Amino acid sequence: MDSCDIRVHAYKNGKTMEQCREEARKNTEILSDEILKKGEVSWSKVLDVADHDELVYKLTLKYLRQRGYEIGNNKVPRVRSQ
């Protein structure tokens, strides 16, 4: 088979794509609670929670956006409730 199989491809620290997704979902729960308490979190906080794993970081931002949070942009790097 010449194509990549995302189910078994290893990313950072040998994690599969599904493991990265699961970790991002857990991070989303953690950050959702913090956003409710503080009103917003910075992108650097999201990166810290993702343990500086770029794929998990991007997936976490994606899941936060899907939950209705405003994830900002390069001029306003923060996640907050809408």
N, C-alpha and C. Protein backbone atom coordinates (compact mmCIF):
# COMPACT_ATOMS: atom_id res chain seq x y z
N MET A 1 0.85 -1.16 0.00
CA MET A 1 0.00 0.00 0.00
C MET A 1 0.91 1.24 0.00
N ASP A 2 0.67 2.17 -0.92
CA ASP A 2 1.51 3.36 -1.05
C ASP A 2 1.03 4.54 -0.22
N SER A 3 -0.18 4.52 0.27
CA SER A 3 -0.70 5.67 1.01
C SER A 3 -0.40 5.54 2.50
N CYS A 4 -0.44 6.67 3.18
CA CYS A 4 -0.21 6.69 4.63
C CYS A 4 -1.47 6.24 5.36
N ASP A 5 -1.30 5.48 6.38
CA ASP A 5 -2.40 5.05 7.22
C ASP A 5 -2.34 5.86 8.50
N ILE A 6 -3.28 6.82 8.69
CA ILE A 6 -3.21 7.71 9.84
C ILE A 6 -3.43 6.98 11.17
N ARG A 7 -3.97 5.80 11.12
CA ARG A 7 -4.23 5.08 12.36
C ARG A 7 -2.95 4.55 12.99
N VAL A 8 -1.92 4.34 12.23
CA VAL A 8 -0.70 3.75 12.79
C VAL A 8 0.52 4.64 12.62
N HIS A 9 0.39 5.79 11.99
CA HIS A 9 1.51 6.69 11.80
C HIS A 9 1.89 7.33 13.13
N ALA A 10 3.14 7.32 13.49
CA ALA A 10 3.59 7.88 14.75
C ALA A 10 3.94 9.36 14.57
N TYR A 11 3.43 10.19 15.49
CA TYR A 11 3.76 11.60 15.51
C TYR A 11 4.74 11.84 16.66
N LYS A 12 4.78 13.03 17.20
CA LYS A 12 5.71 13.35 18.28
C LYS A 12 5.56 12.37 19.43
N ASN A 13 6.67 11.92 19.96
CA ASN A 13 6.71 10.97 21.08
C ASN A 13 6.04 9.65 20.75
N GLY A 14 5.93 9.31 19.47
CA GLY A 14 5.39 8.01 19.06
C GLY A 14 3.89 7.88 19.19
N LYS A 15 3.17 8.99 19.34
CA LYS A 15 1.71 8.93 19.47
C LYS A 15 1.06 8.81 18.09
N THR A 16 -0.05 8.10 18.04
CA THR A 16 -0.82 8.02 16.81
C THR A 16 -1.74 9.24 16.71
N MET A 17 -2.35 9.43 15.56
CA MET A 17 -3.26 10.55 15.36
C MET A 17 -4.42 10.48 16.34
N GLU A 18 -4.95 9.31 16.57
CA GLU A 18 -6.07 9.17 17.50
C GLU A 18 -5.65 9.52 18.93
N GLN A 19 -4.44 9.16 19.32
CA GLN A 19 -3.96 9.53 20.65
C GLN A 19 -3.80 11.04 20.77
N CYS A 20 -3.35 11.68 19.70
CA CYS A 20 -3.23 13.14 19.68
C CYS A 20 -4.61 13.78 19.80
N ARG A 21 -5.59 13.24 19.10
CA ARG A 21 -6.96 13.76 19.18
C ARG A 21 -7.51 13.62 20.60
N GLU A 22 -7.29 12.47 21.21
CA GLU A 22 -7.78 12.24 22.57
C GLU A 22 -7.13 13.20 23.56
N GLU A 23 -5.84 13.41 23.42
CA GLU A 23 -5.14 14.35 24.29
C GLU A 23 -5.68 15.77 24.09
N ALA A 24 -5.95 16.15 22.85
CA ALA A 24 -6.50 17.47 22.56
C ALA A 24 -7.90 17.62 23.15
N ARG A 25 -8.70 16.57 23.13
CA ARG A 25 -10.04 16.63 23.73
C ARG A 25 -9.94 16.84 25.24
N LYS A 26 -8.99 16.16 25.88
CA LYS A 26 -8.78 16.36 27.33
C LYS A 26 -8.32 17.78 27.61
N ASN A 27 -7.42 18.31 26.78
CA ASN A 27 -6.95 19.68 26.95
C ASN A 27 -8.09 20.67 26.80
N THR A 28 -9.00 20.38 25.88
CA THR A 28 -10.15 21.25 25.66
C THR A 28 -11.01 21.33 26.91
N GLU A 29 -11.20 20.21 27.58
CA GLU A 29 -11.97 20.19 28.83
C GLU A 29 -11.29 21.05 29.89
N ILE A 30 -9.99 20.88 30.04
CA ILE A 30 -9.22 21.64 31.03
C ILE A 30 -9.30 23.13 30.74
N LEU A 31 -9.08 23.49 29.49
CA LEU A 31 -9.08 24.90 29.12
C LEU A 31 -10.47 25.52 29.17
N SER A 32 -11.51 24.74 28.89
CA SER A 32 -12.87 25.25 28.97
C SER A 32 -13.19 25.71 30.39
N ASP A 33 -12.78 24.91 31.37
CA ASP A 33 -12.99 25.28 32.77
C ASP A 33 -12.24 26.55 33.12
N GLU A 34 -11.00 26.67 32.64
CA GLU A 34 -10.19 27.85 32.93
C GLU A 34 -10.76 29.10 32.25
N ILE A 35 -11.27 28.94 31.03
CA ILE A 35 -11.87 30.08 30.32
C ILE A 35 -13.13 30.55 31.05
N LEU A 36 -13.91 29.62 31.57
CA LEU A 36 -15.11 29.99 32.32
C LEU A 36 -14.74 30.78 33.59
N LYS A 37 -13.65 30.41 34.24
CA LYS A 37 -13.22 31.08 35.47
C LYS A 37 -12.58 32.44 35.18
N LYS A 38 -11.67 32.49 34.20
CA LYS A 38 -10.88 33.70 33.95
C LYS A 38 -11.41 34.56 32.81
N GLY A 39 -12.24 34.02 31.96
CA GLY A 39 -12.76 34.77 30.83
C GLY A 39 -11.98 34.57 29.55
N GLU A 40 -10.68 34.25 29.66
CA GLU A 40 -9.86 34.00 28.48
C GLU A 40 -8.56 33.33 28.89
N VAL A 41 -7.90 32.69 27.92
CA VAL A 41 -6.56 32.14 28.10
C VAL A 41 -5.74 32.51 26.86
N SER A 42 -4.44 32.64 27.06
CA SER A 42 -3.55 32.99 25.95
C SER A 42 -3.19 31.75 25.15
N TRP A 43 -2.73 31.99 23.93
CA TRP A 43 -2.27 30.87 23.11
C TRP A 43 -1.07 30.18 23.75
N SER A 44 -0.24 30.94 24.46
CA SER A 44 0.92 30.32 25.11
C SER A 44 0.47 29.35 26.20
N LYS A 45 -0.64 29.66 26.87
CA LYS A 45 -1.20 28.73 27.86
C LYS A 45 -1.69 27.45 27.17
N VAL A 46 -2.33 27.61 26.02
CA VAL A 46 -2.80 26.45 25.26
C VAL A 46 -1.60 25.59 24.85
N LEU A 47 -0.52 26.23 24.43
CA LEU A 47 0.69 25.52 24.04
C LEU A 47 1.31 24.80 25.22
N ASP A 48 1.30 25.43 26.39
CA ASP A 48 1.82 24.79 27.60
C ASP A 48 1.00 23.55 27.96
N VAL A 49 -0.32 23.68 27.90
CA VAL A 49 -1.20 22.56 28.22
C VAL A 49 -0.99 21.42 27.22
N ALA A 50 -0.69 21.77 25.97
CA ALA A 50 -0.44 20.77 24.92
C ALA A 50 0.97 20.20 25.01
N ASP A 51 1.72 20.62 26.00
CA ASP A 51 3.10 20.15 26.22
C ASP A 51 3.98 20.42 24.99
N HIS A 52 3.76 21.58 24.39
CA HIS A 52 4.53 22.05 23.23
C HIS A 52 4.52 21.07 22.06
N ASP A 53 3.45 20.29 21.94
CA ASP A 53 3.25 19.39 20.81
C ASP A 53 2.37 20.14 19.80
N GLU A 54 2.94 20.47 18.65
CA GLU A 54 2.25 21.31 17.67
C GLU A 54 0.93 20.72 17.20
N LEU A 55 0.90 19.43 16.94
CA LEU A 55 -0.32 18.80 16.46
C LEU A 55 -1.42 18.85 17.52
N VAL A 56 -1.09 18.53 18.75
CA VAL A 56 -2.07 18.57 19.84
C VAL A 56 -2.53 20.01 20.06
N TYR A 57 -1.62 20.96 19.97
CA TYR A 57 -1.94 22.38 20.11
C TYR A 57 -2.98 22.82 19.06
N LYS A 58 -2.73 22.47 17.82
CA LYS A 58 -3.65 22.86 16.74
C LYS A 58 -5.00 22.17 16.87
N LEU A 59 -4.98 20.90 17.25
CA LEU A 59 -6.24 20.19 17.46
C LEU A 59 -7.02 20.77 18.64
N THR A 60 -6.32 21.17 19.69
CA THR A 60 -6.97 21.79 20.85
C THR A 60 -7.67 23.08 20.44
N LEU A 61 -6.97 23.93 19.68
CA LEU A 61 -7.59 25.16 19.19
C LEU A 61 -8.81 24.85 18.31
N LYS A 62 -8.69 23.83 17.48
CA LYS A 62 -9.81 23.43 16.62
C LYS A 62 -11.02 23.03 17.45
N TYR A 63 -10.80 22.20 18.47
CA TYR A 63 -11.91 21.73 19.31
C TYR A 63 -12.51 22.87 20.13
N LEU A 64 -11.67 23.82 20.57
CA LEU A 64 -12.20 24.98 21.28
C LEU A 64 -13.09 25.82 20.35
N ARG A 65 -12.66 26.00 19.10
CA ARG A 65 -13.47 26.74 18.13
C ARG A 65 -14.79 26.02 17.87
N GLN A 66 -14.75 24.69 17.79
CA GLN A 66 -15.97 23.92 17.56
C GLN A 66 -16.95 24.05 18.72
N ARG A 67 -16.42 24.29 19.92
CA ARG A 67 -17.28 24.47 21.09
C ARG A 67 -17.85 25.88 21.19
N GLY A 68 -17.46 26.74 20.26
CA GLY A 68 -18.02 28.08 20.24
C GLY A 68 -17.13 29.16 20.83
N TYR A 69 -15.90 28.83 21.18
CA TYR A 69 -14.99 29.83 21.70
C TYR A 69 -14.36 30.61 20.55
N GLU A 70 -14.07 31.87 20.81
CA GLU A 70 -13.36 32.69 19.85
C GLU A 70 -11.87 32.44 20.07
N ILE A 71 -11.18 31.92 19.06
CA ILE A 71 -9.77 31.54 19.26
C ILE A 71 -8.79 32.63 18.85
N GLY A 72 -9.29 33.78 18.43
CA GLY A 72 -8.41 34.90 18.12
C GLY A 72 -7.66 34.74 16.82
N ASN A 73 -6.59 35.52 16.67
CA ASN A 73 -5.74 35.47 15.49
C ASN A 73 -4.33 35.91 15.88
N ASN A 74 -3.46 36.13 14.89
CA ASN A 74 -2.07 36.46 15.23
C ASN A 74 -1.93 37.82 15.90
N LYS A 75 -2.90 38.71 15.74
CA LYS A 75 -2.86 40.01 16.41
C LYS A 75 -3.49 39.97 17.79
N VAL A 76 -4.39 39.03 17.99
CA VAL A 76 -5.07 38.87 19.29
C VAL A 76 -4.96 37.39 19.67
N PRO A 77 -3.78 36.95 20.16
CA PRO A 77 -3.56 35.52 20.43
C PRO A 77 -4.16 35.06 21.77
N ARG A 78 -5.47 34.91 21.79
CA ARG A 78 -6.13 34.45 23.00
C ARG A 78 -7.39 33.68 22.64
N VAL A 79 -7.86 32.89 23.59
CA VAL A 79 -9.10 32.15 23.44
C VAL A 79 -10.05 32.68 24.49
N ARG A 80 -11.26 33.05 24.07
CA ARG A 80 -12.23 33.57 25.03
C ARG A 80 -13.64 33.16 24.61
N SER A 81 -14.56 33.33 25.55
CA SER A 81 -15.97 33.05 25.27
C SER A 81 -16.51 34.11 24.34
N GLN A 82 -17.47 33.73 23.51
CA GLN A 82 -18.08 34.72 22.62
C GLN A 82 -19.22 35.41 23.29
